[in-house]
Protein backbone atom coordinates (compact mmCIF):
# COMPACT_ATOMS: atom_id res chain seq x y z
CA UNK A 1 -0.04 -0.05 0.07
CA UNK A 2 1.04 3.46 -0.66
CA UNK A 3 1.49 6.35 1.79
CA UNK A 4 -1.55 8.13 0.41
CA UNK A 5 -3.81 5.19 0.65
CA UNK A 6 -2.62 4.41 4.17
CA UNK A 7 -2.99 8.10 5.17
CA UNK A 8 -6.65 8.06 3.67
CA UNK A 9 -7.40 4.96 5.73
CA UNK A 10 -6.12 6.71 8.71
CA UNK A 11 -8.15 9.76 8.14
CA UNK A 12 -11.31 7.62 7.62
CA UNK A 13 -10.53 5.55 10.59
CA UNK A 14 -10.19 8.59 13.00
CA UNK A 15 -13.17 10.54 11.44
CA UNK A 16 -10.78 13.45 10.30
CA UNK A 17 -10.89 15.70 7.44
CA UNK A 18 -7.76 16.50 5.41
CA UNK A 19 -7.92 20.20 6.66
CA UNK A 20 -8.26 19.04 10.38
CA UNK A 21 -5.18 17.12 10.06
CA UNK A 22 -3.42 19.90 8.22
CA UNK A 23 -4.19 22.12 11.06
CA UNK A 24 -2.84 19.67 13.64
CA UNK A 25 0.36 18.90 11.91
CA UNK A 26 1.29 22.21 10.36
CA UNK A 27 0.81 21.49 6.72
CA UNK A 28 -1.93 22.85 4.18
CA UNK A 29 -4.86 20.59 3.23
CA UNK A 30 -3.65 20.89 -0.36
CA UNK A 31 -0.48 19.24 0.52
CA UNK A 32 -2.34 16.37 2.16
CA UNK A 33 -4.56 16.03 -0.89
CA UNK A 34 -1.46 15.74 -3.00
CA UNK A 35 -0.08 13.16 -0.77
CA UNK A 36 -3.19 11.10 -0.80
CA UNK A 37 -3.61 11.53 -4.56
CA UNK A 38 -0.06 10.56 -5.19
CA UNK A 39 0.65 13.97 -6.87
CA UNK A 40 3.51 14.84 -4.48
CA UNK A 41 5.70 12.96 -2.10
CA UNK A 42 5.76 14.00 1.65
CA UNK A 43 8.99 15.08 3.23
CA UNK A 44 10.71 13.04 5.97
CA UNK A 45 9.43 15.82 8.38
CA UNK A 46 5.84 15.40 7.08
CA UNK A 47 5.97 11.56 7.28
CA UNK A 48 7.25 11.77 10.97
CA UNK A 49 4.63 14.39 11.93
CA UNK A 50 1.78 12.14 10.54
CA UNK A 51 3.27 9.10 12.25
CA UNK A 52 3.53 10.97 15.59
CA UNK A 53 -0.12 12.30 15.25
CA UNK A 54 -1.53 8.83 14.54
CA UNK A 55 0.87 6.91 16.93
CA UNK A 56 2.17 4.62 14.03
CA UNK A 57 5.52 4.08 12.86
CA UNK A 58 6.87 5.82 9.76
CA UNK A 59 7.59 2.36 8.28
CA UNK A 60 3.73 1.46 8.76
CA UNK A 61 2.81 4.73 6.98
CA UNK A 62 5.21 4.06 4.10
CA UNK A 63 3.77 0.47 3.75
CA UNK A 64 7.06 -1.25 4.68
CA UNK A 65 5.26 -3.36 7.37
CA UNK A 66 2.21 -5.14 7.02
CA UNK A 67 1.40 -5.28 10.58
CA UNK A 68 -0.38 -1.95 10.89
CA UNK A 69 -3.56 -2.58 12.81
CA UNK A 70 -5.73 0.65 12.64
CA UNK A 71 -7.70 -0.33 15.79
CA UNK A 72 -4.38 -0.39 17.96
CA UNK A 73 -3.48 3.24 16.87
CA UNK A 74 -6.55 5.17 17.63
CA UNK A 75 -6.03 8.56 19.17
CA UNK A 76 -6.94 8.62 22.80
CA UNK A 77 -10.53 8.42 23.76
CA UNK A 78 -12.12 12.03 24.13
CA UNK A 79 -13.82 13.35 27.13
CA UNK A 80 -17.51 14.21 26.78
CA UNK A 81 -16.53 17.98 26.93
CA UNK A 82 -13.85 17.32 23.98
CA UNK A 83 -16.77 15.49 22.00
CA UNK A 84 -19.21 18.32 22.44
CA UNK A 85 -16.63 20.88 21.36
CA UNK A 86 -15.91 18.92 18.20
CA UNK A 87 -19.68 18.59 17.48
CA UNK A 88 -20.22 22.30 17.85
CA UNK A 89 -17.01 23.05 15.87
CA UNK A 90 -18.08 20.86 13.03
CA UNK A 91 -21.36 22.76 12.63
CA UNK A 92 -19.82 25.99 12.22
CA UNK A 93 -18.80 27.62 8.77
CA UNK A 94 -15.19 27.26 7.63
CA UNK A 95 -14.72 30.82 8.24
CA UNK A 96 -15.79 30.55 11.92
CA UNK A 97 -13.85 27.39 12.37
CA UNK A 98 -10.64 29.19 11.25
CA UNK A 99 -11.31 32.01 13.77
CA UNK A 100 -11.92 29.53 16.74
CA UNK A 101 -9.02 27.52 15.79
CA UNK A 102 -6.83 30.72 15.87
CA UNK A 103 -8.16 31.68 19.17
CA UNK A 104 -7.54 28.14 20.81
CA UNK A 105 -4.11 28.14 19.40
CA UNK A 106 -3.41 31.50 20.92
CA UNK A 107 -4.74 30.40 24.22
CA UNK A 108 -2.58 27.15 24.12
CA UNK A 109 0.48 29.16 23.37
CA UNK A 110 -0.27 31.60 26.22
CA UNK A 111 -0.73 28.59 28.47
CA UNK A 112 2.60 27.13 27.50
CA UNK A 113 4.40 30.54 28.15
CA UNK A 114 2.83 30.85 31.54
């Protein structure tokens, strides 16, 4: 399997959009789309960020191992509050999502500095 196919499967398994993953790992949705559609190869840094995000090895992402079990690599369970936040966030138009995401990132950065 190719990196793009494996990434597409991971997104589906985790209920994530390309945009959501892009925000989490610091790449554009367009870059992720290109990886999935095999229009571009991800850099080593990108592969590592995706692997870290999904808690899988880079070898698994690159199809070098066949023992990737998606059920073993799920993100940690979300709390009820986190689930509610995600449900509300998904109901917002994209422009509002961008605004909220920016506010949350600013708050997280401020918390790290405190």
